[in-house]
């Protein structure tokens, strides 16, 4: 005799049949796509090295949750869209989250919200110093051989706060209570190399020169001959940053605000751009190199001014640089600076998609630690992208000269190029939200046997091919970045 389960609910919106809701007794998860992510993590040992940097001060006789399992709970939770500690009051019994924390699905539950809160609030300043070095260590490990050059992008972003967090202040420009973190990313491999949490009303360049000194020292110790170029917007373009770059032997390109003198110097160029646009109907971008010295500068520096005219109006921007090639190719120097927009996308992923704006602990140090957790989640995703990325499209596919390298593609064709790349390779070129919808968020049945754990996916899942592709890629030995 078979017993039919009793429907929990029923709906009548479907005209030909009643839709009935039943409860399955099988262990289920909605985040089975985290499993290949965990496999990649096993190869590069990201969470393992992260947890090893933390000082274990608990009595082990009274401890049920390891530092490593809690690090993995938080980092994988951030990747899957669970940025708050409260989420883990339910996720602690999820079979997939148990697996990624090295626990059998039918084993004891993972850490609860109170345990995770104590974990984050126990972090000390020496822990944060060690985590700073771990980010650099993981960055060094991502290269198979010493790179010839690196491009470091410095940027600050507003991080709104809504509680009683320490050192959160009201910022008049952003019109909110906030922190102002700084992030350093590498344009060659999209990894976060350094993060810093700062009080909400600090100057954008606060501490950035010291951050550069630390990074340059670590990178040059490993790769003495690497050439390092630094980019940043006008908020970071201050004399002490120029001086720090010169002291460290780094080249730089920083944005500089348009003032009356720079506008006067470029008025004729703007008139020329407007005239050419009116005659041709085509967008115009013209460039001018001037030798400029602000009142606070001890000497003059080269400044490249862009004058742009198009259907939306006119636009003037300027950068200050010490790149040797600026005297010959000022447009190329400016366009290379504009490519930092890809690095700004990493900041958007960090803040908006991986929810780094949820620094909701009371203690400043705990929130600094949370920023590291979010940065580690982004780096794990970036390393996963490296494992599955497809060859980029060729310039010829956009109707451009086939021999033209991607770096030489000018606007607006560069935007078309990146859109084409993401269309062709949705995961290798995709943002965190794409990874969630196409891979991570998938229901699965998890069955524990005596010798194996079986994870059953739906055969009708539209993105099963992505899961197979990524699982095969991370089952091979870890691929590293080939330096440019």
Protein backbone atom coordinates (compact mmCIF):
# COMPACT_ATOMS: atom_id res chain seq x y z
CA UNK A 1 0.00 0.00 0.00
CA UNK A 2 1.39 3.42 -0.94
CA UNK A 3 0.69 6.44 1.17
CA UNK A 4 0.11 9.69 -0.69
CA UNK A 5 1.48 12.80 1.00
CA UNK A 6 -1.05 15.36 2.10
CA UNK A 7 -0.73 18.65 0.17
CA UNK A 8 0.41 21.56 2.32
CA UNK A 9 -1.24 24.15 0.07
CA UNK A 10 -3.09 24.30 -3.22
CA UNK A 11 -3.61 27.03 -5.84
CA UNK A 12 -6.26 27.31 -8.55
CA UNK A 13 -4.67 29.90 -10.91
CA UNK A 14 -3.81 27.15 -13.45
CA UNK A 15 -7.05 26.42 -15.31
CA UNK A 16 -6.54 22.77 -16.32
CA UNK A 17 -5.16 21.39 -13.03
CA UNK A 18 -4.87 22.23 -9.37
CA UNK A 19 -1.37 23.21 -8.28
CA UNK A 20 -0.54 21.46 -4.99
CA UNK A 21 2.40 22.20 -2.69
CA UNK A 22 4.00 19.34 -0.79
CA UNK A 23 6.96 19.25 1.59
CA UNK A 24 9.89 17.03 0.60
CA UNK A 25 11.60 15.01 3.31
CA UNK A 26 14.88 14.95 1.36
CA UNK A 27 17.78 17.22 2.47
CA UNK A 28 17.66 20.14 0.03
CA UNK A 29 19.80 23.21 -0.64
CA UNK A 30 19.34 26.23 -2.88
CA UNK A 31 23.07 26.98 -3.25
CA UNK A 32 24.58 23.84 -4.78
CA UNK A 33 26.60 26.00 -7.21
CA UNK A 34 28.97 26.79 -4.34
CA UNK A 35 30.49 23.30 -4.65
CA UNK A 36 32.75 24.04 -7.66
CA UNK A 37 33.68 27.31 -5.93
CA UNK A 38 34.80 25.25 -2.94
CA UNK A 39 36.83 23.02 -5.26
CA UNK A 40 38.63 26.07 -6.65
CA UNK A 41 39.25 27.29 -3.12
CA UNK A 42 40.80 23.91 -2.31
CA UNK A 43 43.31 24.46 -5.11
CA UNK A 44 44.39 27.99 -4.24
CA UNK A 45 43.92 27.65 -0.43
CA UNK A 46 42.38 31.10 -0.12
CA UNK A 47 40.15 30.55 2.90
CA UNK A 48 42.77 28.31 4.51
CA UNK A 49 45.41 31.04 4.38
CA UNK A 50 42.88 33.65 5.46
CA UNK A 51 41.91 31.70 8.58
CA UNK A 52 45.55 30.88 9.41
CA UNK A 53 46.23 34.61 9.80
CA UNK A 54 43.80 34.84 12.73
CA UNK A 55 45.01 34.27 16.27
CA UNK A 56 43.10 31.48 18.00
CA UNK A 57 42.58 32.62 21.59
CA UNK A 58 39.65 30.37 22.54
CA UNK A 59 39.75 27.43 24.92
CA UNK A 60 39.78 24.47 22.53
CA UNK A 61 38.06 22.25 25.11
CA UNK A 62 35.02 24.53 24.85
CA UNK A 63 35.17 25.12 21.09
CA UNK A 64 32.83 23.50 18.56
CA UNK A 65 33.39 25.76 15.54
CA UNK A 66 36.85 26.17 14.01
CA UNK A 67 38.08 29.52 12.73
CA UNK A 68 38.34 27.99 9.25
CA UNK A 69 34.74 26.77 9.18
CA UNK A 70 33.47 30.20 10.29
CA UNK A 71 35.63 31.97 7.69
CA UNK A 72 34.16 29.69 5.04
CA UNK A 73 30.62 30.28 6.29
CA UNK A 74 31.01 34.01 5.98
CA UNK A 75 32.94 34.17 2.69
CA UNK A 76 30.74 31.64 0.89
CA UNK A 77 27.66 33.25 2.36
CA UNK A 78 28.73 36.61 0.92
CA UNK A 79 29.22 35.02 -2.50
CA UNK A 80 25.73 33.51 -2.35
CA UNK A 81 24.08 36.77 -1.26
CA UNK A 82 23.93 36.14 2.50
CA UNK A 83 25.95 39.08 3.77
CA UNK A 84 24.54 39.25 7.31
CA UNK A 85 25.37 37.11 10.31
CA UNK A 86 21.62 36.61 10.90
CA UNK A 87 21.38 34.62 7.67
CA UNK A 88 23.44 31.84 9.22
CA UNK A 89 20.86 31.03 11.86
CA UNK A 90 19.14 29.10 9.05
CA UNK A 91 22.13 28.38 6.80
CA UNK A 92 23.95 26.62 9.64
CA UNK A 93 21.87 23.50 8.91
CA UNK A 94 22.07 23.75 5.10
CA UNK A 95 23.71 20.56 3.70
CA UNK A 96 25.80 22.41 1.09
CA UNK A 97 27.11 24.95 3.57
CA UNK A 98 28.08 22.06 5.83
CA UNK A 99 29.95 20.40 2.98
CA UNK A 100 31.95 23.51 2.10
CA UNK A 101 32.86 23.84 5.79
CA UNK A 102 34.22 20.23 5.81
CA UNK A 103 31.25 18.78 7.67
CA UNK A 104 28.92 15.98 6.59
CA UNK A 105 25.37 17.09 5.73
CA UNK A 106 23.95 15.01 8.58
CA UNK A 107 26.62 16.24 11.01
CA UNK A 108 26.38 18.95 13.68
CA UNK A 109 25.17 22.39 12.66
CA UNK A 110 27.55 25.22 11.81
CA UNK A 111 28.03 28.45 13.76
CA UNK A 112 25.00 30.54 14.69
CA UNK A 113 24.68 34.32 14.53
CA UNK A 114 25.86 34.92 18.11
CA UNK A 115 28.92 32.73 17.54
CA UNK A 116 29.78 34.54 14.30
CA UNK A 117 29.30 37.89 16.01
CA UNK A 118 31.75 36.93 18.77
CA UNK A 119 34.13 35.67 16.08
CA UNK A 120 34.14 38.98 14.21
CA UNK A 121 34.35 41.12 17.33
CA UNK A 122 37.35 39.15 18.66
CA UNK A 123 39.59 40.36 15.81
CA UNK A 124 42.61 42.42 16.89
CA UNK A 125 44.89 44.91 15.13
CA UNK A 126 47.67 42.28 14.68
CA UNK A 127 45.07 40.02 13.00
CA UNK A 128 44.31 42.82 10.53
CA UNK A 129 48.02 43.36 9.84
CA UNK A 130 48.42 39.67 9.04
CA UNK A 131 45.34 39.71 6.80
CA UNK A 132 46.87 42.63 4.89
CA UNK A 133 49.87 40.42 4.16
CA UNK A 134 47.63 37.46 3.26
CA UNK A 135 45.98 39.50 0.49
CA UNK A 136 49.41 40.28 -0.93
CA UNK A 137 50.58 36.67 -0.52
CA UNK A 138 47.55 35.39 -2.45
CA UNK A 139 48.17 38.02 -5.13
CA UNK A 140 51.79 36.90 -5.53
CA UNK A 141 50.69 33.26 -5.73
CA UNK A 142 48.28 34.05 -8.58
CA UNK A 143 51.17 34.58 -11.02
CA UNK A 144 53.00 31.62 -12.50
CA UNK A 145 56.09 33.69 -13.27
CA UNK A 146 57.22 37.22 -12.35
CA UNK A 147 55.23 39.84 -14.26
CA UNK A 148 57.08 42.52 -16.21
CA UNK A 149 54.62 45.25 -15.27
CA UNK A 150 51.66 45.81 -12.96
CA UNK A 151 48.93 48.46 -12.92
CA UNK A 152 47.56 49.28 -9.47
CA UNK A 153 44.28 51.19 -9.27
CA UNK A 154 43.53 53.12 -6.09
CA UNK A 155 39.98 54.12 -5.34
CA UNK A 156 37.76 55.13 -2.43
CA UNK A 157 34.05 54.44 -2.18
CA UNK A 158 31.34 55.57 0.18
CA UNK A 159 30.06 52.92 2.56
CA UNK A 160 26.81 54.12 4.20
CA UNK A 161 26.12 53.17 7.80
CA UNK A 162 22.80 53.04 9.60
CA UNK A 163 23.59 52.27 13.22
CA UNK A 164 26.01 53.14 16.01
CA UNK A 165 29.21 51.95 14.34
CA UNK A 166 32.43 53.40 15.69
CA UNK A 167 34.08 56.14 13.56
CA UNK A 168 31.10 56.57 11.28
CA UNK A 169 30.46 60.27 10.58
CA UNK A 170 28.18 62.37 8.44
CA UNK A 171 29.76 63.31 5.10
CA UNK A 172 28.36 66.49 3.57
CA UNK A 173 29.12 65.56 -0.05
CA UNK A 174 27.48 62.13 0.14
CA UNK A 175 24.80 63.39 2.58
CA UNK A 176 24.94 60.30 4.76
CA UNK A 177 26.65 58.71 7.74
CA UNK A 178 29.37 56.46 6.34
CA UNK A 179 32.81 54.93 6.26
CA UNK A 180 35.19 55.74 3.38
CA UNK A 181 37.15 52.55 2.54
CA UNK A 182 40.10 52.54 0.16
CA UNK A 183 40.69 49.63 -2.25
CA UNK A 184 43.74 48.81 -4.37
CA UNK A 185 43.11 46.43 -7.28
CA UNK A 186 45.36 45.06 -10.01
CA UNK A 187 44.26 45.69 -13.59
CA UNK A 188 46.12 42.63 -14.85
CA UNK A 189 44.11 40.05 -12.89
CA UNK A 190 41.23 41.93 -11.14
CA UNK A 191 42.39 40.90 -7.66
CA UNK A 192 42.03 43.12 -4.61
CA UNK A 193 45.57 43.67 -3.35
CA UNK A 194 44.81 45.90 -0.37
CA UNK A 195 41.81 47.29 1.51
CA UNK A 196 41.61 49.86 4.25
CA UNK A 197 38.68 51.00 6.36
CA UNK A 198 38.70 54.69 7.27
CA UNK A 199 36.44 57.05 9.17
CA UNK A 200 33.56 58.59 7.26
CA UNK A 201 34.84 62.15 6.78
CA UNK A 202 38.48 61.47 5.89
CA UNK A 203 40.16 62.79 2.74
CA UNK A 204 40.10 60.30 -0.13
CA UNK A 205 43.92 60.09 -0.08
CA UNK A 206 44.29 59.56 3.67
CA UNK A 207 46.91 56.85 4.22
CA UNK A 208 47.14 55.99 0.52
CA UNK A 209 50.82 56.96 0.36
CA UNK A 210 51.61 54.57 3.25
CA UNK A 211 49.58 51.85 1.53
CA UNK A 212 51.68 52.33 -1.61
CA UNK A 213 54.89 52.09 0.40
CA UNK A 214 53.79 48.80 1.94
CA UNK A 215 52.67 47.34 -1.38
CA UNK A 216 55.73 48.47 -3.32
CA UNK A 217 57.97 46.98 -0.64
CA UNK A 218 56.21 43.61 -0.73
CA UNK A 219 56.01 43.45 -4.53
CA UNK A 220 59.60 44.53 -5.11
CA UNK A 221 60.83 42.04 -2.51
CA UNK A 222 59.27 39.27 -4.61
CA UNK A 223 59.80 40.79 -8.07
CA UNK A 224 62.70 43.30 -7.99
CA UNK A 225 62.41 44.21 -11.68
CA UNK A 226 58.64 44.70 -11.98
CA UNK A 227 57.51 48.08 -13.33
CA UNK A 228 54.53 49.41 -11.38
CA UNK A 229 52.10 52.03 -12.65
CA UNK A 230 49.60 53.67 -10.29
CA UNK A 231 46.24 55.17 -11.31
CA UNK A 232 43.66 57.07 -9.31
CA UNK A 233 40.97 59.72 -9.66
CA UNK A 234 41.35 63.37 -8.69
CA UNK A 235 40.53 62.66 -5.04
CA UNK A 236 43.78 60.71 -4.81
CA UNK A 237 45.76 63.04 -7.07
CA UNK A 238 47.48 65.16 -4.39
CA UNK A 239 51.15 66.22 -4.13
CA UNK A 240 52.05 63.69 -1.43
CA UNK A 241 50.90 60.89 -3.76
CA UNK A 242 53.08 62.24 -6.58
CA UNK A 243 55.99 62.41 -4.13
CA UNK A 244 55.39 58.89 -2.84
CA UNK A 245 55.35 57.49 -6.39
CA UNK A 246 58.60 59.30 -7.24
CA UNK A 247 60.21 58.08 -3.98
CA UNK A 248 59.19 54.47 -4.72
CA UNK A 249 60.10 54.51 -8.41
CA UNK A 250 56.49 54.12 -9.57
CA UNK A 251 54.94 55.85 -12.56
CA UNK A 252 51.52 57.42 -12.07
CA UNK A 253 48.49 58.90 -13.77
CA UNK A 254 45.98 60.72 -11.57
CA UNK A 255 42.88 62.69 -12.44
CA UNK A 256 42.98 66.42 -11.83
CA UNK A 257 39.99 68.72 -11.49
CA UNK A 258 39.33 71.22 -14.25
CA UNK A 259 40.05 74.73 -12.93
CA UNK A 260 40.00 78.17 -14.56
CA UNK A 261 43.59 77.92 -15.80
CA UNK A 262 43.13 74.49 -17.38
CA UNK A 263 39.85 75.58 -18.95
CA UNK A 264 41.47 78.67 -20.43
CA UNK A 265 44.33 76.57 -21.80
CA UNK A 266 41.88 74.18 -23.50
CA UNK A 267 39.20 76.63 -24.73
CA UNK A 268 40.56 76.66 -28.29
CA UNK A 269 40.73 72.85 -28.30
CA UNK A 270 37.10 72.62 -27.17
CA UNK A 271 36.00 75.06 -29.88
CA UNK A 272 37.82 72.90 -32.43
CA UNK A 273 36.09 69.74 -31.17
CA UNK A 274 32.66 71.39 -31.28
CA UNK A 275 33.30 72.70 -34.79
CA UNK A 276 34.36 69.30 -36.09
CA UNK A 277 31.31 67.66 -34.50
CA UNK A 278 28.97 70.21 -36.10
CA UNK A 279 30.53 69.64 -39.52
CA UNK A 280 30.68 65.84 -39.41
CA UNK A 281 27.95 64.81 -36.95
CA UNK A 282 30.46 62.34 -35.48
CA UNK A 283 31.67 62.38 -31.83
CA UNK A 284 35.00 64.17 -31.47
CA UNK A 285 37.79 63.59 -28.91
CA UNK A 286 40.78 65.93 -29.07
CA UNK A 287 43.76 66.04 -26.72
CA UNK A 288 46.19 68.67 -25.53
CA UNK A 289 49.42 68.34 -23.51
CA UNK A 290 50.28 71.29 -21.27
CA UNK A 291 53.07 71.92 -18.78
CA UNK A 292 51.13 72.87 -15.67
CA UNK A 293 52.11 73.91 -12.14
CA UNK A 294 49.56 74.41 -9.39
CA UNK A 295 50.36 76.84 -6.59
CA UNK A 296 51.00 73.97 -4.16
CA UNK A 297 53.38 72.15 -6.53
CA UNK A 298 57.14 72.72 -6.26
CA UNK A 299 57.56 72.12 -10.00
CA UNK A 300 55.47 71.80 -13.16
CA UNK A 301 54.10 68.47 -14.36
CA UNK A 302 52.66 67.25 -17.67
CA UNK A 303 48.85 67.43 -17.82
CA UNK A 304 46.77 65.86 -20.61
CA UNK A 305 43.44 67.56 -21.32
CA UNK A 306 40.65 65.82 -23.23
CA UNK A 307 38.05 67.94 -25.06
CA UNK A 308 35.03 65.92 -26.17
CA UNK A 309 31.96 66.93 -28.21
CA UNK A 310 29.04 64.63 -28.99
CA UNK A 311 25.26 64.46 -29.09
CA UNK A 312 25.01 64.74 -25.30
CA UNK A 313 27.07 67.94 -25.21
CA UNK A 314 30.68 68.67 -24.32
CA UNK A 315 33.02 67.16 -21.78
CA UNK A 316 36.46 68.18 -20.52
CA UNK A 317 38.71 65.98 -18.37
CA UNK A 318 42.37 66.13 -17.39
CA UNK A 319 45.03 63.86 -15.91
CA UNK A 320 48.46 64.57 -14.46
CA UNK A 321 51.13 62.00 -15.21
CA UNK A 322 54.85 61.28 -15.27
CA UNK A 323 54.72 58.57 -17.95
CA UNK A 324 57.59 59.07 -20.40
CA UNK A 325 55.40 58.41 -23.43
CA UNK A 326 53.09 61.33 -22.68
CA UNK A 327 55.28 63.70 -24.70
CA UNK A 328 54.74 61.57 -27.82
CA UNK A 329 51.28 60.01 -27.34
CA UNK A 330 49.21 62.04 -24.86
CA UNK A 331 45.95 60.45 -26.08
CA UNK A 332 47.29 56.94 -25.44
CA UNK A 333 48.24 57.93 -21.89
CA UNK A 334 44.76 59.34 -21.26
CA UNK A 335 43.01 56.33 -22.80
CA UNK A 336 45.10 53.98 -20.67
CA UNK A 337 44.00 55.94 -17.61
CA UNK A 338 40.36 55.66 -18.72
CA UNK A 339 40.69 51.87 -18.69
CA UNK A 340 40.62 52.05 -14.90
CA UNK A 341 36.86 51.89 -15.40
CA UNK A 342 37.25 48.10 -15.36
CA UNK A 343 38.87 48.34 -11.93
CA UNK A 344 36.00 50.56 -10.78
CA UNK A 345 33.72 47.67 -11.75
CA UNK A 346 35.51 45.58 -9.11
CA UNK A 347 34.64 48.24 -6.54
CA UNK A 348 31.02 48.12 -7.68
CA UNK A 349 31.03 44.35 -7.29
CA UNK A 350 32.57 44.66 -3.85
CA UNK A 351 30.15 47.31 -2.61
CA UNK A 352 26.89 46.62 -4.43
CA UNK A 353 26.92 42.94 -5.43
CA UNK A 354 28.94 41.46 -2.56
CA UNK A 355 27.41 43.93 -0.09
CA UNK A 356 30.56 45.44 1.41
CA UNK A 357 28.29 48.30 2.44
CA UNK A 358 26.87 46.05 5.19
CA UNK A 359 29.53 46.82 7.79
CA UNK A 360 27.01 46.69 10.62
CA UNK A 361 29.10 45.60 13.63
CA UNK A 362 29.57 48.19 16.36
CA UNK A 363 33.36 47.91 16.69
CA UNK A 364 35.49 49.57 14.03
CA UNK A 365 37.96 46.66 14.04
CA UNK A 366 35.13 44.16 13.51
CA UNK A 367 33.92 46.15 10.51
CA UNK A 368 37.48 46.33 9.16
CA UNK A 369 37.56 42.53 9.41
CA UNK A 370 34.23 42.30 7.58
CA UNK A 371 35.72 44.38 4.77
CA UNK A 372 38.47 41.77 4.49
CA UNK A 373 35.84 39.01 4.32
CA UNK A 374 34.11 40.76 1.41
CA UNK A 375 37.45 41.37 -0.36
CA UNK A 376 38.35 37.69 0.03
CA UNK A 377 34.97 36.71 -1.47
CA UNK A 378 35.63 38.95 -4.48
CA UNK A 379 39.13 37.51 -4.92
CA UNK A 380 37.79 33.96 -4.77
CA UNK A 381 35.31 34.86 -7.49
CA UNK A 382 38.05 36.50 -9.57
CA UNK A 383 40.24 33.40 -9.32
CA UNK A 384 37.26 31.29 -10.39
CA UNK A 385 36.78 33.56 -13.41
CA UNK A 386 40.43 32.98 -14.32
CA UNK A 387 39.82 29.22 -14.34
CA UNK A 388 36.96 29.37 -16.86
CA UNK A 389 37.60 32.50 -18.94
CA UNK A 390 37.36 32.03 -22.70
CA UNK A 391 39.63 33.70 -25.28
CA UNK A 392 38.51 37.32 -25.77
CA UNK A 393 36.95 38.43 -29.07
CA UNK A 394 39.24 39.74 -31.78
CA UNK A 395 39.12 43.30 -32.99
CA UNK A 396 38.05 42.03 -36.41
CA UNK A 397 34.75 40.83 -34.94
CA UNK A 398 33.85 44.50 -34.33
CA UNK A 399 34.75 45.54 -37.87
CA UNK A 400 38.12 46.93 -36.73
CA UNK A 401 41.58 46.03 -38.13
CA UNK A 402 42.17 42.41 -37.20
CA UNK A 403 45.71 43.08 -35.98
CA UNK A 404 44.58 45.78 -33.52
CA UNK A 405 45.22 44.68 -29.89
CA UNK A 406 42.44 45.14 -27.36
CA UNK A 407 44.49 47.73 -25.46
CA UNK A 408 44.55 49.99 -28.54
CA UNK A 409 40.79 50.00 -29.17
CA UNK A 410 39.44 53.53 -28.78
CA UNK A 411 36.08 54.67 -27.39
CA UNK A 412 33.25 53.93 -28.13
CA UNK A 413 34.54 50.73 -29.71
CA UNK A 414 36.16 49.74 -26.42
CA UNK A 415 32.75 49.63 -24.77
CA UNK A 416 31.42 47.48 -27.60
CA UNK A 417 34.44 45.22 -27.15
CA UNK A 418 33.77 44.62 -23.44
CA UNK A 419 30.05 44.07 -24.07
CA UNK A 420 30.93 41.53 -26.77
CA UNK A 421 33.32 39.79 -24.41
CA UNK A 422 30.69 39.43 -21.68
CA UNK A 423 28.08 38.25 -24.17
CA UNK A 424 30.48 35.62 -25.50
CA UNK A 425 31.76 34.52 -22.07
CA UNK A 426 29.01 35.24 -19.48
CA UNK A 427 30.90 33.69 -16.56
CA UNK A 428 34.52 34.38 -17.46
CA UNK A 429 33.57 38.03 -17.98
CA UNK A 430 30.53 38.12 -15.69
CA UNK A 431 29.86 40.01 -12.49
CA UNK A 432 28.91 38.46 -9.15
CA UNK A 433 25.17 38.75 -9.89
CA UNK A 434 25.67 36.74 -13.10
CA UNK A 435 27.49 34.00 -11.20
CA UNK A 436 24.66 33.82 -8.69
CA UNK A 437 21.88 33.52 -11.26
CA UNK A 438 23.73 31.17 -13.63
CA UNK A 439 25.63 28.96 -11.19
CA UNK A 440 25.34 29.44 -7.43
CA UNK A 441 21.56 29.61 -7.00
CA UNK A 442 20.49 26.09 -7.92
CA UNK A 443 18.39 23.65 -5.92
CA UNK A 444 19.83 20.23 -5.19
CA UNK A 445 19.05 17.14 -3.17
CA UNK A 446 21.96 16.12 -0.92
CA UNK A 447 22.12 12.46 0.14
CA UNK A 448 24.71 11.09 2.57
CA UNK A 449 25.87 7.51 2.04
CA UNK A 450 28.46 5.52 3.96
CA UNK A 451 31.15 6.10 1.31
CA UNK A 452 30.04 9.19 -0.59
CA UNK A 453 27.84 12.27 -0.64
CA UNK A 454 25.48 12.51 -3.62
CA UNK A 455 24.28 15.88 -4.88
CA UNK A 456 21.38 15.59 -7.34
CA UNK A 457 20.68 18.49 -9.69
CA UNK A 458 17.67 18.91 -11.93
CA UNK A 459 18.22 17.72 -15.49
CA UNK A 460 16.00 20.57 -16.72
CA UNK A 461 18.13 23.29 -15.08
CA UNK A 462 18.84 25.78 -17.92
CA UNK A 463 22.40 26.43 -16.77
CA UNK A 464 23.51 22.85 -16.17
CA UNK A 465 26.08 23.29 -18.94
CA UNK A 466 27.71 26.13 -16.96
CA UNK A 467 27.93 23.90 -13.89
CA UNK A 468 29.55 21.12 -15.92
CA UNK A 469 31.98 23.52 -17.61
CA UNK A 470 33.11 25.09 -14.35
CA UNK A 471 33.29 21.80 -12.46
CA UNK A 472 35.54 20.34 -15.15
CA UNK A 473 37.75 23.44 -15.13
CA UNK A 474 38.28 23.42 -11.36
CA UNK A 475 38.93 19.67 -11.32
CA UNK A 476 42.12 20.31 -13.28
CA UNK A 477 45.30 21.64 -11.60
CA UNK A 478 44.98 25.30 -10.67
CA UNK A 479 45.69 27.63 -13.58
CA UNK A 480 47.61 30.81 -12.81
CA UNK A 481 47.69 34.18 -14.45
CA UNK A 482 50.11 34.60 -17.34
CA UNK A 483 51.67 38.04 -16.86
CA UNK A 484 51.51 40.56 -19.65
